[in-house]
Amino acid sequence: MKKAHNDWMSQRRDTCWPARPAWDPVTVYAAIVGTDAAQMWEEKGTDRVDGNGNEDWDKGTTKYNEVHLWFTNDNKKQGVADIINKMLCEGNNVSNAVDKQNNFLV
């Protein structure tokens, strides 16, 4: 897992250095507002990572309380991205950004 994380963080030097951290802003957003409000659905399974950092989503193993989040439709992605970008750009005004979230969902 550490190798996969380090590989992820050291890629894409052309667009973002260092790469984004291991936490996923979309996952955090869905955890806060719920998957329905985030316009996503959950698929139970287990994320398996091999020694080379390759991932495989195993839908047959569901005992570890893991889910994969999927958008209900690809056209929902930009609206959620816009909400996250606005919240990140609000700086110390996070509570006001959260109040405005409904203005950005379509």
N, C-alpha and C. Protein backbone atom coordinates (compact mmCIF):
# COMPACT_ATOMS: atom_id res chain seq x y z
N MET A 1 0.83 -1.18 0.00
CA MET A 1 0.00 0.00 0.00
C MET A 1 0.88 1.25 0.00
N LYS A 2 1.97 1.21 0.78
CA LYS A 2 2.84 2.37 0.84
C LYS A 2 3.45 2.67 -0.53
N LYS A 3 3.85 1.63 -1.27
CA LYS A 3 4.42 1.83 -2.60
C LYS A 3 3.40 2.46 -3.54
N ALA A 4 2.18 1.96 -3.50
CA ALA A 4 1.13 2.51 -4.35
C ALA A 4 0.90 3.99 -4.02
N HIS A 5 0.86 4.32 -2.72
CA HIS A 5 0.67 5.71 -2.30
C HIS A 5 1.82 6.58 -2.78
N ASN A 6 3.05 6.13 -2.57
CA ASN A 6 4.21 6.91 -2.97
C ASN A 6 4.26 7.10 -4.48
N ASP A 7 3.92 6.04 -5.23
CA ASP A 7 3.89 6.16 -6.69
C ASP A 7 2.86 7.19 -7.12
N TRP A 8 1.69 7.15 -6.49
CA TRP A 8 0.64 8.11 -6.82
C TRP A 8 1.09 9.55 -6.54
N MET A 9 1.71 9.76 -5.39
CA MET A 9 2.09 11.11 -4.99
C MET A 9 3.24 11.65 -5.84
N SER A 10 4.01 10.79 -6.50
CA SER A 10 5.16 11.29 -7.27
C SER A 10 4.87 11.35 -8.77
N GLN A 11 3.63 11.19 -9.18
CA GLN A 11 3.31 11.27 -10.60
C GLN A 11 2.78 12.64 -10.98
N ARG A 12 2.56 12.87 -12.23
CA ARG A 12 1.93 14.07 -12.78
C ARG A 12 2.64 15.37 -12.38
N ARG A 13 3.92 15.41 -12.50
CA ARG A 13 4.65 16.64 -12.16
C ARG A 13 4.31 17.78 -13.11
N ASP A 14 3.72 17.47 -14.25
CA ASP A 14 3.39 18.52 -15.21
C ASP A 14 2.16 19.32 -14.81
N THR A 15 1.26 18.74 -14.01
CA THR A 15 0.01 19.43 -13.69
C THR A 15 -0.13 19.78 -12.22
N CYS A 16 0.44 19.00 -11.35
CA CYS A 16 0.25 19.25 -9.92
C CYS A 16 1.40 18.61 -9.16
N TRP A 17 2.18 19.41 -8.49
CA TRP A 17 3.29 18.85 -7.72
C TRP A 17 3.29 19.43 -6.33
N PRO A 18 3.28 18.67 -5.27
CA PRO A 18 3.10 17.22 -5.38
C PRO A 18 1.66 16.89 -5.74
N ALA A 19 1.45 15.66 -6.11
CA ALA A 19 0.10 15.22 -6.46
C ALA A 19 -0.82 15.38 -5.25
N ARG A 20 -2.13 15.27 -5.50
CA ARG A 20 -3.06 15.43 -4.38
C ARG A 20 -2.80 14.36 -3.34
N PRO A 21 -3.15 14.63 -2.08
CA PRO A 21 -2.92 13.66 -1.02
C PRO A 21 -3.78 12.40 -1.18
N ALA A 22 -3.57 11.44 -0.31
CA ALA A 22 -4.26 10.16 -0.41
C ALA A 22 -5.76 10.30 -0.18
N TRP A 23 -6.21 11.26 0.59
CA TRP A 23 -7.65 11.39 0.79
C TRP A 23 -8.26 11.96 -0.48
N ASP A 24 -9.46 11.55 -0.74
CA ASP A 24 -10.15 11.91 -1.97
C ASP A 24 -11.24 12.92 -1.66
N PRO A 25 -11.16 14.14 -2.16
CA PRO A 25 -12.17 15.16 -1.86
C PRO A 25 -13.59 14.73 -2.21
N VAL A 26 -13.77 13.96 -3.27
CA VAL A 26 -15.11 13.50 -3.65
C VAL A 26 -15.66 12.55 -2.60
N THR A 27 -14.82 11.66 -2.10
CA THR A 27 -15.24 10.72 -1.06
C THR A 27 -15.60 11.47 0.22
N VAL A 28 -14.79 12.45 0.59
CA VAL A 28 -15.08 13.25 1.78
C VAL A 28 -16.40 13.99 1.60
N TYR A 29 -16.60 14.58 0.44
CA TYR A 29 -17.85 15.29 0.15
C TYR A 29 -19.04 14.35 0.27
N ALA A 30 -18.95 13.15 -0.33
CA ALA A 30 -20.05 12.18 -0.25
C ALA A 30 -20.29 11.74 1.18
N ALA A 31 -19.24 11.63 1.98
CA ALA A 31 -19.40 11.25 3.39
C ALA A 31 -20.13 12.34 4.16
N ILE A 32 -19.92 13.58 3.80
CA ILE A 32 -20.55 14.69 4.52
C ILE A 32 -22.01 14.85 4.13
N VAL A 33 -22.30 14.87 2.82
CA VAL A 33 -23.67 15.16 2.38
C VAL A 33 -24.49 13.90 2.11
N GLY A 34 -23.82 12.75 2.03
CA GLY A 34 -24.51 11.50 1.71
C GLY A 34 -24.42 11.21 0.22
N THR A 35 -24.49 9.94 -0.13
CA THR A 35 -24.31 9.57 -1.52
C THR A 35 -25.43 10.08 -2.41
N ASP A 36 -26.65 10.13 -1.91
CA ASP A 36 -27.75 10.64 -2.74
C ASP A 36 -27.53 12.11 -3.10
N ALA A 37 -27.20 12.93 -2.11
CA ALA A 37 -26.96 14.35 -2.36
C ALA A 37 -25.73 14.56 -3.25
N ALA A 38 -24.76 13.67 -3.16
CA ALA A 38 -23.56 13.75 -3.99
C ALA A 38 -23.81 13.16 -5.38
N GLN A 39 -25.03 12.69 -5.62
CA GLN A 39 -25.44 12.11 -6.89
C GLN A 39 -24.59 10.90 -7.26
N MET A 40 -24.42 10.02 -6.25
CA MET A 40 -23.61 8.82 -6.41
C MET A 40 -24.37 7.62 -5.86
N TRP A 41 -23.85 6.43 -6.16
CA TRP A 41 -24.36 5.20 -5.56
C TRP A 41 -23.16 4.37 -5.12
N GLU A 42 -23.40 3.48 -4.16
CA GLU A 42 -22.34 2.67 -3.56
C GLU A 42 -22.40 1.24 -4.06
N GLU A 43 -21.21 0.69 -4.36
CA GLU A 43 -21.09 -0.72 -4.71
C GLU A 43 -20.20 -1.38 -3.67
N LYS A 44 -20.72 -2.38 -2.96
CA LYS A 44 -19.94 -3.07 -1.94
C LYS A 44 -18.89 -3.96 -2.59
N GLY A 45 -17.75 -4.08 -1.89
CA GLY A 45 -16.67 -4.92 -2.37
C GLY A 45 -15.42 -4.69 -1.55
N THR A 46 -14.28 -5.13 -2.08
CA THR A 46 -12.99 -4.97 -1.42
C THR A 46 -11.95 -4.56 -2.45
N ASP A 47 -11.19 -3.54 -2.12
CA ASP A 47 -10.12 -3.06 -2.99
C ASP A 47 -8.87 -3.89 -2.72
N ARG A 48 -8.46 -4.66 -3.69
CA ARG A 48 -7.26 -5.48 -3.54
C ARG A 48 -6.12 -4.83 -4.32
N VAL A 49 -4.96 -4.69 -3.66
CA VAL A 49 -3.80 -4.06 -4.28
C VAL A 49 -2.65 -5.06 -4.25
N ASP A 50 -2.04 -5.30 -5.42
CA ASP A 50 -0.92 -6.25 -5.47
C ASP A 50 0.39 -5.53 -5.15
N GLY A 51 1.47 -6.27 -5.15
CA GLY A 51 2.79 -5.73 -4.79
C GLY A 51 3.28 -4.63 -5.71
N ASN A 52 2.72 -4.56 -6.93
CA ASN A 52 3.11 -3.52 -7.87
C ASN A 52 2.22 -2.29 -7.81
N GLY A 53 1.23 -2.33 -6.91
CA GLY A 53 0.33 -1.20 -6.78
C GLY A 53 -0.89 -1.26 -7.68
N ASN A 54 -1.07 -2.38 -8.40
CA ASN A 54 -2.24 -2.53 -9.26
C ASN A 54 -3.46 -2.85 -8.41
N GLU A 55 -4.57 -2.19 -8.71
CA GLU A 55 -5.79 -2.38 -7.93
C GLU A 55 -6.79 -3.26 -8.67
N ASP A 56 -7.56 -3.99 -7.89
CA ASP A 56 -8.64 -4.80 -8.43
C ASP A 56 -9.82 -4.71 -7.47
N TRP A 57 -10.98 -4.30 -7.97
CA TRP A 57 -12.17 -4.19 -7.14
C TRP A 57 -12.87 -5.54 -7.13
N ASP A 58 -12.88 -6.17 -5.98
CA ASP A 58 -13.47 -7.50 -5.80
C ASP A 58 -14.88 -7.36 -5.24
N LYS A 59 -15.89 -7.49 -6.13
CA LYS A 59 -17.28 -7.34 -5.71
C LYS A 59 -17.77 -8.55 -4.91
N GLY A 60 -17.03 -9.64 -4.94
CA GLY A 60 -17.43 -10.85 -4.24
C GLY A 60 -17.12 -10.85 -2.75
N THR A 61 -16.22 -9.99 -2.33
CA THR A 61 -15.84 -9.91 -0.91
C THR A 61 -16.40 -8.61 -0.34
N THR A 62 -17.40 -8.73 0.53
CA THR A 62 -18.08 -7.53 1.04
C THR A 62 -18.03 -7.42 2.57
N LYS A 63 -17.20 -8.22 3.22
CA LYS A 63 -17.20 -8.25 4.68
C LYS A 63 -16.34 -7.17 5.34
N TYR A 64 -15.66 -6.34 4.56
CA TYR A 64 -14.73 -5.36 5.15
C TYR A 64 -15.27 -3.94 5.18
N ASN A 65 -16.55 -3.75 4.94
CA ASN A 65 -17.19 -2.44 5.02
C ASN A 65 -16.55 -1.42 4.06
N GLU A 66 -16.22 -1.88 2.85
CA GLU A 66 -15.69 -0.99 1.82
C GLU A 66 -16.75 -0.82 0.74
N VAL A 67 -16.77 0.36 0.15
CA VAL A 67 -17.66 0.60 -0.99
C VAL A 67 -16.90 1.38 -2.05
N HIS A 68 -17.30 1.20 -3.28
CA HIS A 68 -16.80 1.99 -4.40
C HIS A 68 -17.91 2.95 -4.75
N LEU A 69 -17.59 4.22 -4.90
CA LEU A 69 -18.59 5.22 -5.23
C LEU A 69 -18.62 5.44 -6.74
N TRP A 70 -19.83 5.45 -7.28
CA TRP A 70 -20.05 5.69 -8.71
C TRP A 70 -21.03 6.84 -8.86
N PHE A 71 -20.80 7.71 -9.82
CA PHE A 71 -21.78 8.75 -10.12
C PHE A 71 -23.00 8.12 -10.76
N THR A 72 -24.17 8.68 -10.45
CA THR A 72 -25.40 8.16 -11.03
C THR A 72 -25.44 8.37 -12.53
N ASN A 73 -24.67 9.35 -13.02
CA ASN A 73 -24.57 9.63 -14.43
C ASN A 73 -23.30 10.44 -14.63
N ASP A 74 -22.57 10.22 -15.72
CA ASP A 74 -21.32 10.94 -15.94
C ASP A 74 -21.49 12.45 -15.98
N ASN A 75 -22.66 12.93 -16.39
CA ASN A 75 -22.85 14.38 -16.45
C ASN A 75 -22.98 15.02 -15.07
N LYS A 76 -22.99 14.23 -14.01
CA LYS A 76 -23.05 14.76 -12.63
C LYS A 76 -21.67 15.13 -12.11
N LYS A 77 -20.62 14.61 -12.72
CA LYS A 77 -19.26 14.81 -12.22
C LYS A 77 -18.87 16.29 -12.15
N GLN A 78 -19.14 17.04 -13.20
CA GLN A 78 -18.72 18.44 -13.23
C GLN A 78 -19.39 19.26 -12.14
N GLY A 79 -20.66 19.00 -11.86
CA GLY A 79 -21.35 19.73 -10.80
C GLY A 79 -20.71 19.49 -9.44
N VAL A 80 -20.34 18.25 -9.15
CA VAL A 80 -19.68 17.94 -7.88
C VAL A 80 -18.29 18.55 -7.86
N ALA A 81 -17.57 18.48 -8.97
CA ALA A 81 -16.24 19.10 -9.05
C ALA A 81 -16.33 20.60 -8.79
N ASP A 82 -17.35 21.25 -9.34
CA ASP A 82 -17.53 22.68 -9.13
C ASP A 82 -17.78 23.00 -7.66
N ILE A 83 -18.59 22.17 -6.98
CA ILE A 83 -18.86 22.38 -5.56
C ILE A 83 -17.57 22.26 -4.76
N ILE A 84 -16.80 21.21 -5.02
CA ILE A 84 -15.55 21.00 -4.28
C ILE A 84 -14.58 22.15 -4.54
N ASN A 85 -14.45 22.57 -5.79
CA ASN A 85 -13.55 23.69 -6.10
C ASN A 85 -13.98 24.95 -5.39
N LYS A 86 -15.27 25.24 -5.35
CA LYS A 86 -15.75 26.44 -4.66
C LYS A 86 -15.49 26.34 -3.15
N MET A 87 -15.69 25.15 -2.57
CA MET A 87 -15.44 25.00 -1.14
C MET A 87 -13.95 25.15 -0.84
N LEU A 88 -13.09 24.58 -1.67
CA LEU A 88 -11.65 24.71 -1.44
C LEU A 88 -11.19 26.14 -1.61
N CYS A 89 -11.81 26.88 -2.50
CA CYS A 89 -11.40 28.26 -2.76
C CYS A 89 -12.00 29.26 -1.77
N GLU A 90 -12.93 28.81 -0.94
CA GLU A 90 -13.54 29.71 0.04
C GLU A 90 -12.61 30.02 1.21
N GLY A 91 -11.55 29.26 1.37
CA GLY A 91 -10.61 29.51 2.46
C GLY A 91 -11.26 29.34 3.81
N ASN A 92 -11.26 30.39 4.63
CA ASN A 92 -11.82 30.31 5.97
C ASN A 92 -13.34 30.39 5.98
N ASN A 93 -13.96 30.58 4.85
CA ASN A 93 -15.40 30.74 4.76
C ASN A 93 -16.10 29.42 4.42
N VAL A 94 -15.61 28.34 4.99
CA VAL A 94 -16.11 27.02 4.63
C VAL A 94 -17.59 26.87 4.94
N SER A 95 -18.04 27.39 6.06
CA SER A 95 -19.46 27.20 6.40
C SER A 95 -20.36 27.89 5.38
N ASN A 96 -19.96 29.03 4.88
CA ASN A 96 -20.74 29.71 3.85
C ASN A 96 -20.73 28.90 2.56
N ALA A 97 -19.61 28.25 2.24
CA ALA A 97 -19.53 27.44 1.04
C ALA A 97 -20.49 26.26 1.14
N VAL A 98 -20.58 25.65 2.32
CA VAL A 98 -21.49 24.52 2.50
C VAL A 98 -22.93 24.99 2.35
N ASP A 99 -23.25 26.19 2.87
CA ASP A 99 -24.61 26.71 2.72
C ASP A 99 -24.96 26.92 1.25
N LYS A 100 -23.96 27.20 0.42
CA LYS A 100 -24.21 27.46 -0.99
C LYS A 100 -24.24 26.19 -1.83
N GLN A 101 -24.01 25.02 -1.24
CA GLN A 101 -23.88 23.80 -2.03
C GLN A 101 -25.07 23.52 -2.92
N ASN A 102 -26.27 23.79 -2.46
CA ASN A 102 -27.46 23.48 -3.26
C ASN A 102 -27.56 24.33 -4.51
N ASN A 103 -26.86 25.46 -4.54
CA ASN A 103 -26.85 26.28 -5.74
C ASN A 103 -26.03 25.67 -6.87
N PHE A 104 -25.20 24.69 -6.55
CA PHE A 104 -24.30 24.15 -7.55
C PHE A 104 -24.74 22.78 -8.06
N LEU A 105 -25.58 22.09 -7.33
CA LEU A 105 -26.06 20.79 -7.79
C LEU A 105 -27.18 20.98 -8.81
N VAL A 106 -27.13 20.17 -9.84
CA VAL A 106 -28.19 20.26 -10.86
C VAL A 106 -29.07 19.05 -10.81
